[in-house]
PDB file of all heavy atoms in Angstrom:
ATOM      1  N   LEU A   1     103.910 110.285 126.327  1.00  0.00           N
ATOM      2  CA  LEU A   1     104.718 109.105 126.058  1.00  0.00           C
ATOM      3  C   LEU A   1     104.516 108.709 124.610  1.00  0.00           C
ATOM      4  O   LEU A   1     103.452 108.971 124.029  1.00  0.00           O
ATOM      5  CB  LEU A   1     104.306 107.922 126.946  1.00  0.00           C
ATOM      6  CG  LEU A   1     104.775 107.879 128.394  1.00  0.00           C
ATOM      7  CD1 LEU A   1     104.144 106.680 129.103  1.00  0.00           C
ATOM      8  CD2 LEU A   1     106.293 107.808 128.477  1.00  0.00           C
ATOM      9  N   ARG A   2     105.521 108.061 124.056  1.00  0.00           N
ATOM     10  CA  ARG A   2     105.417 107.522 122.699  1.00  0.00           C
ATOM     11  C   ARG A   2     105.703 106.028 122.756  1.00  0.00           C
ATOM     12  O   ARG A   2     106.817 105.624 123.100  1.00  0.00           O
ATOM     13  CB  ARG A   2     106.376 108.201 121.749  1.00  0.00           C
ATOM     14  CG  ARG A   2     106.214 107.778 120.286  1.00  0.00           C
ATOM     15  CD  ARG A   2     107.281 108.391 119.442  1.00  0.00           C
ATOM     16  NE  ARG A   2     107.046 108.231 118.015  1.00  0.00           N
ATOM     17  CZ  ARG A   2     107.970 107.847 117.155  1.00  0.00           C
ATOM     18  NH1 ARG A   2     109.190 107.573 117.569  1.00  0.00           N
ATOM     19  NH2 ARG A   2     107.682 107.739 115.862  1.00  0.00           N
ATOM     20  N   LEU A   3     104.695 105.254 122.428  1.00  0.00           N
ATOM     21  CA  LEU A   3     104.854 103.807 122.390  1.00  0.00           C
ATOM     22  C   LEU A   3     105.259 103.374 120.988  1.00  0.00           C
ATOM     23  O   LEU A   3     104.823 103.962 120.003  1.00  0.00           O
ATOM     24  CB  LEU A   3     103.555 103.109 122.779  1.00  0.00           C
ATOM     25  CG  LEU A   3     102.939 103.490 124.115  1.00  0.00           C
ATOM     26  CD1 LEU A   3     101.703 102.631 124.373  1.00  0.00           C
ATOM     27  CD2 LEU A   3     103.940 103.355 125.244  1.00  0.00           C
ATOM     28  N   SER A   4     106.070 102.318 120.938  1.00  0.00           N
ATOM     29  CA  SER A   4     106.482 101.734 119.667  1.00  0.00           C
ATOM     30  C   SER A   4     106.162 100.247 119.666  1.00  0.00           C
ATOM     31  O   SER A   4     106.175  99.603 120.716  1.00  0.00           O
ATOM     32  CB  SER A   4     107.984 101.915 119.457  1.00  0.00           C
ATOM     33  OG  SER A   4     108.349 103.271 119.437  1.00  0.00           O
ATOM     34  N   CYS A   5     105.879  99.737 118.492  1.00  0.00           N
ATOM     35  CA  CYS A   5     105.662  98.306 118.323  1.00  0.00           C
ATOM     36  C   CYS A   5     106.435  97.871 117.084  1.00  0.00           C
ATOM     37  O   CYS A   5     106.129  98.323 115.977  1.00  0.00           O
ATOM     38  CB  CYS A   5     104.183  98.008 118.162  1.00  0.00           C
ATOM     39  SG  CYS A   5     103.804  96.296 117.707  1.00  0.00           S
ATOM     40  N   ALA A   6     107.421  97.027 117.298  1.00  0.00           N
ATOM     41  CA  ALA A   6     108.239  96.512 116.201  1.00  0.00           C
ATOM     42  C   ALA A   6     107.737  95.139 115.798  1.00  0.00           C
ATOM     43  O   ALA A   6     107.627  94.250 116.643  1.00  0.00           O
ATOM     44  CB  ALA A   6     109.696  96.442 116.629  1.00  0.00           C
ATOM     45  N   ALA A   7     107.433  94.984 114.528  1.00  0.00           N
ATOM     46  CA  ALA A   7     106.879  93.723 114.026  1.00  0.00           C
ATOM     47  C   ALA A   7     107.921  92.968 113.219  1.00  0.00           C
ATOM     48  O   ALA A   7     108.739  93.568 112.512  1.00  0.00           O
ATOM     49  CB  ALA A   7     105.658  93.995 113.162  1.00  0.00           C
ATOM     50  N   SER A   8     107.865  91.643 113.313  1.00  0.00           N
ATOM     51  CA  SER A   8     108.704  90.777 112.490  1.00  0.00           C
ATOM     52  C   SER A   8     107.922  89.517 112.175  1.00  0.00           C
ATOM     53  O   SER A   8     106.984  89.147 112.884  1.00  0.00           O
ATOM     54  CB  SER A   8     110.016  90.447 113.199  1.00  0.00           C
ATOM     55  OG  SER A   8     109.767  89.781 114.421  1.00  0.00           O
ATOM     56  N   GLY A   9     108.313  88.888 111.072  1.00  0.00           N
ATOM     57  CA  GLY A   9     107.649  87.644 110.687  1.00  0.00           C
ATOM     58  C   GLY A   9     106.365  87.827 109.901  1.00  0.00           C
ATOM     59  O   GLY A   9     105.662  86.843 109.632  1.00  0.00           O
ATOM     60  N   ILE A  10     106.031  89.072 109.558  1.00  0.00           N
ATOM     61  CA  ILE A  10     104.850  89.343 108.746  1.00  0.00           C
ATOM     62  C   ILE A  10     105.220  90.322 107.638  1.00  0.00           C
ATOM     63  O   ILE A  10     106.232  91.029 107.743  1.00  0.00           O
ATOM     64  CB  ILE A  10     103.682  89.949 109.564  1.00  0.00           C
ATOM     65  CG1 ILE A  10     104.106  91.268 110.241  1.00  0.00           C
ATOM     66  CG2 ILE A  10     103.150  88.946 110.574  1.00  0.00           C
ATOM     67  CD1 ILE A  10     102.959  92.006 110.919  1.00  0.00           C
ATOM     68  N   ILE A  11     104.379  90.340 106.600  1.00  0.00           N
ATOM     69  CA  ILE A  11     104.538  91.371 105.564  1.00  0.00           C
ATOM     70  C   ILE A  11     103.824  92.603 106.114  1.00  0.00           C
ATOM     71  O   ILE A  11     102.620  92.800 105.918  1.00  0.00           O
ATOM     72  CB  ILE A  11     103.939  90.907 104.232  1.00  0.00           C
ATOM     73  CG1 ILE A  11     104.592  89.592 103.795  1.00  0.00           C
ATOM     74  CG2 ILE A  11     104.145  91.986 103.167  1.00  0.00           C
ATOM     75  CD1 ILE A  11     103.950  88.963 102.573  1.00  0.00           C
ATOM     76  N   PHE A  12     104.558  93.414 106.817  1.00  0.00           N
ATOM     77  CA  PHE A  12     103.980  94.477 107.633  1.00  0.00           C
ATOM     78  C   PHE A  12     103.055  95.389 106.846  1.00  0.00           C
ATOM     79  O   PHE A  12     101.988  95.769 107.333  1.00  0.00           O
ATOM     80  CB  PHE A  12     105.105  95.291 108.269  1.00  0.00           C
ATOM     81  CG  PHE A  12     104.637  96.374 109.183  1.00  0.00           C
ATOM     82  CD1 PHE A  12     104.287  96.084 110.491  1.00  0.00           C
ATOM     83  CD2 PHE A  12     104.540  97.691 108.735  1.00  0.00           C
ATOM     84  CE1 PHE A  12     103.845  97.085 111.347  1.00  0.00           C
ATOM     85  CE2 PHE A  12     104.099  98.694 109.573  1.00  0.00           C
ATOM     86  CZ  PHE A  12     103.755  98.391 110.887  1.00  0.00           C
ATOM     87  N   SER A  13     103.428  95.729 105.626  1.00  0.00           N
ATOM     88  CA  SER A  13     102.695  96.759 104.890  1.00  0.00           C
ATOM     89  C   SER A  13     101.253  96.369 104.578  1.00  0.00           C
ATOM     90  O   SER A  13     100.422  97.251 104.330  1.00  0.00           O
ATOM     91  CB  SER A  13     103.432  97.102 103.603  1.00  0.00           C
ATOM     92  OG  SER A  13     103.527  95.964 102.764  1.00  0.00           O
ATOM     93  N   ILE A  14     100.932  95.080 104.595  1.00  0.00           N
ATOM     94  CA  ILE A  14      99.571  94.677 104.243  1.00  0.00           C
ATOM     95  C   ILE A  14      98.686  94.505 105.473  1.00  0.00           C
ATOM     96  O   ILE A  14      97.486  94.267 105.343  1.00  0.00           O
ATOM     97  CB  ILE A  14      99.550  93.383 103.406  1.00  0.00           C
ATOM     98  CG1 ILE A  14     100.020  92.177 104.227  1.00  0.00           C
ATOM     99  CG2 ILE A  14     100.374  93.551 102.148  1.00  0.00           C
ATOM    100  CD1 ILE A  14      99.850  90.850 103.490  1.00  0.00           C
ATOM    101  N   TYR A  15      99.276  94.622 106.658  1.00  0.00           N
ATOM    102  CA  TYR A  15      98.532  94.425 107.893  1.00  0.00           C
ATOM    103  C   TYR A  15      97.930  95.729 108.394  1.00  0.00           C
ATOM    104  O   TYR A  15      98.566  96.783 108.345  1.00  0.00           O
ATOM    105  CB  TYR A  15      99.438  93.842 108.981  1.00  0.00           C
ATOM    106  CG  TYR A  15      99.551  92.346 108.925  1.00  0.00           C
ATOM    107  CD1 TYR A  15     100.286  91.727 107.925  1.00  0.00           C
ATOM    108  CD2 TYR A  15      98.917  91.553 109.875  1.00  0.00           C
ATOM    109  CE1 TYR A  15     100.384  90.355 107.857  1.00  0.00           C
ATOM    110  CE2 TYR A  15      99.016  90.168 109.822  1.00  0.00           C
ATOM    111  CZ  TYR A  15      99.747  89.577 108.810  1.00  0.00           C
ATOM    112  OH  TYR A  15      99.838  88.210 108.760  1.00  0.00           O
ATOM    113  N   ASN A  16      96.700  95.633 108.882  1.00  0.00           N
ATOM    114  CA  ASN A  16      96.128  96.698 109.682  1.00  0.00           C
ATOM    115  C   ASN A  16      96.706  96.566 111.092  1.00  0.00           C
ATOM    116  O   ASN A  16      96.805  95.447 111.622  1.00  0.00           O
ATOM    117  CB  ASN A  16      94.607  96.597 109.736  1.00  0.00           C
ATOM    118  CG  ASN A  16      93.969  96.712 108.363  1.00  0.00           C
ATOM    119  OD1 ASN A  16      94.458  97.453 107.512  1.00  0.00           O
ATOM    120  ND2 ASN A  16      92.911  95.963 108.139  1.00  0.00           N
ATOM    121  N   MET A  17      97.064  97.680 111.684  1.00  0.00           N
ATOM    122  CA  MET A  17      97.712  97.658 112.992  1.00  0.00           C
ATOM    123  C   MET A  17      96.891  98.437 114.009  1.00  0.00           C
ATOM    124  O   MET A  17      96.067  99.297 113.640  1.00  0.00           O
ATOM    125  CB  MET A  17      99.113  98.274 112.899  1.00  0.00           C
ATOM    126  CG  MET A  17     100.026  97.599 111.896  1.00  0.00           C
ATOM    127  SD  MET A  17     100.395  95.883 112.305  1.00  0.00           S
ATOM    128  CE  MET A  17     101.316  96.090 113.842  1.00  0.00           C
ATOM    129  N   GLY A  18      97.128  98.154 115.267  1.00  0.00           N
ATOM    130  CA  GLY A  18      96.372  98.890 116.274  1.00  0.00           C
ATOM    131  C   GLY A  18      96.924  98.709 117.669  1.00  0.00           C
ATOM    132  O   GLY A  18      97.892  97.964 117.879  1.00  0.00           O
ATOM    133  N   TRP A  19      96.290  99.416 118.584  1.00  0.00           N
ATOM    134  CA  TRP A  19      96.643  99.357 120.004  1.00  0.00           C
ATOM    135  C   TRP A  19      95.385  99.128 120.827  1.00  0.00           C
ATOM    136  O   TRP A  19      94.371  99.800 120.625  1.00  0.00           O
ATOM    137  CB  TRP A  19      97.293 100.664 120.452  1.00  0.00           C
ATOM    138  CG  TRP A  19      98.636 100.918 119.871  1.00  0.00           C
ATOM    139  CD1 TRP A  19      98.921 101.591 118.722  1.00  0.00           C
ATOM    140  CD2 TRP A  19      99.891 100.505 120.416  1.00  0.00           C
ATOM    141  NE1 TRP A  19     100.278 101.622 118.507  1.00  0.00           N
ATOM    142  CE2 TRP A  19     100.893 100.963 119.540  1.00  0.00           C
ATOM    143  CE3 TRP A  19     100.280  99.803 121.556  1.00  0.00           C
ATOM    144  CZ2 TRP A  19     102.256 100.744 119.770  1.00  0.00           C
ATOM    145  CZ3 TRP A  19     101.628  99.583 121.788  1.00  0.00           C
ATOM    146  CH2 TRP A  19     102.601 100.047 120.904  1.00  0.00           C
ATOM    147  N   TYR A  20      95.494  98.162 121.727  1.00  0.00           N
ATOM    148  CA  TYR A  20      94.493  97.945 122.772  1.00  0.00           C
ATOM    149  C   TYR A  20      95.119  98.341 124.102  1.00  0.00           C
ATOM    150  O   TYR A  20      96.334  98.476 124.214  1.00  0.00           O
ATOM    151  CB  TYR A  20      94.103  96.471 122.846  1.00  0.00           C
ATOM    152  CG  TYR A  20      92.995  96.037 121.936  1.00  0.00           C
ATOM    153  CD1 TYR A  20      93.252  95.753 120.596  1.00  0.00           C
ATOM    154  CD2 TYR A  20      91.706  95.869 122.416  1.00  0.00           C
ATOM    155  CE1 TYR A  20      92.227  95.325 119.757  1.00  0.00           C
ATOM    156  CE2 TYR A  20      90.679  95.433 121.588  1.00  0.00           C
ATOM    157  CZ  TYR A  20      90.955  95.157 120.261  1.00  0.00           C
ATOM    158  OH  TYR A  20      89.937  94.729 119.444  1.00  0.00           O
ATOM    159  N   ARG A  21      94.272  98.493 125.111  1.00  0.00           N
ATOM    160  CA  ARG A  21      94.783  98.639 126.467  1.00  0.00           C
ATOM    161  C   ARG A  21      93.926  97.841 127.429  1.00  0.00           C
ATOM    162  O   ARG A  21      92.734  97.642 127.216  1.00  0.00           O
ATOM    163  CB  ARG A  21      94.857 100.104 126.888  1.00  0.00           C
ATOM    164  CG  ARG A  21      93.542 100.847 126.994  1.00  0.00           C
ATOM    165  CD  ARG A  21      93.822 102.323 127.276  1.00  0.00           C
ATOM    166  NE  ARG A  21      92.584 103.095 127.387  1.00  0.00           N
ATOM    167  CZ  ARG A  21      92.547 104.423 127.496  1.00  0.00           C
ATOM    168  NH1 ARG A  21      93.694 105.132 127.511  1.00  0.00           N
ATOM    169  NH2 ARG A  21      91.390 105.048 127.603  1.00  0.00           N
ATOM    170  N   GLN A  22      94.602  97.390 128.489  1.00  0.00           N
ATOM    171  CA  GLN A  22      93.939  96.575 129.501  1.00  0.00           C
ATOM    172  C   GLN A  22      94.282  97.145 130.864  1.00  0.00           C
ATOM    173  O   GLN A  22      95.449  97.119 131.278  1.00  0.00           O
ATOM    174  CB  GLN A  22      94.433  95.127 129.406  1.00  0.00           C
ATOM    175  CG  GLN A  22      93.867  94.215 130.469  1.00  0.00           C
ATOM    176  CD  GLN A  22      92.498  93.716 130.127  1.00  0.00           C
ATOM    177  OE1 GLN A  22      92.326  93.017 129.135  1.00  0.00           O
ATOM    178  NE2 GLN A  22      91.510  94.052 130.944  1.00  0.00           N
ATOM    179  N   ALA A  23      93.265  97.681 131.528  1.00  0.00           N
ATOM    180  CA  ALA A  23      93.469  98.200 132.882  1.00  0.00           C
ATOM    181  C   ALA A  23      92.952  97.171 133.885  1.00  0.00           C
ATOM    182  O   ALA A  23      92.027  96.405 133.576  1.00  0.00           O
ATOM    183  CB  ALA A  23      92.732  99.528 133.051  1.00  0.00           C
ATOM    184  N   PRO A  24      93.503  97.139 135.082  1.00  0.00           N
ATOM    185  CA  PRO A  24      93.052  96.172 136.099  1.00  0.00           C
ATOM    186  C   PRO A  24      91.562  96.302 136.363  1.00  0.00           C
ATOM    187  O   PRO A  24      91.045  97.404 136.583  1.00  0.00           O
ATOM    188  CB  PRO A  24      93.871  96.556 137.329  1.00  0.00           C
ATOM    189  CG  PRO A  24      95.074  97.242 136.798  1.00  0.00           C
ATOM    190  CD  PRO A  24      94.619  97.957 135.571  1.00  0.00           C
ATOM    191  N   GLY A  25      90.850  95.179 136.316  1.00  0.00           N
ATOM    192  CA  GLY A  25      89.434  95.169 136.617  1.00  0.00           C
ATOM    193  C   GLY A  25      88.540  95.715 135.526  1.00  0.00           C
ATOM    194  O   GLY A  25      87.325  95.845 135.718  1.00  0.00           O
ATOM    195  N   LYS A  26      89.134  96.045 134.373  1.00  0.00           N
ATOM    196  CA  LYS A  26      88.342  96.601 133.275  1.00  0.00           C
ATOM    197  C   LYS A  26      88.473  95.725 132.030  1.00  0.00           C
ATOM    198  O   LYS A  26      89.430  94.959 131.891  1.00  0.00           O
ATOM    199  CB  LYS A  26      88.801  98.022 132.944  1.00  0.00           C
ATOM    200  CG  LYS A  26      88.524  99.033 134.041  1.00  0.00           C
ATOM    201  CD  LYS A  26      88.860 100.436 133.567  1.00  0.00           C
ATOM    202  CE  LYS A  26      88.547 101.472 134.630  1.00  0.00           C
ATOM    203  NZ  LYS A  26      88.866 102.849 134.174  1.00  0.00           N
TER     204      LYS A  26
END
């Protein structure tokens, strides 16, 4: 799968970006 995250309202290029995940009970 390929996930995408579209950002708005920020100067995107200066931000560090990332992905978290949350599984049930973890």
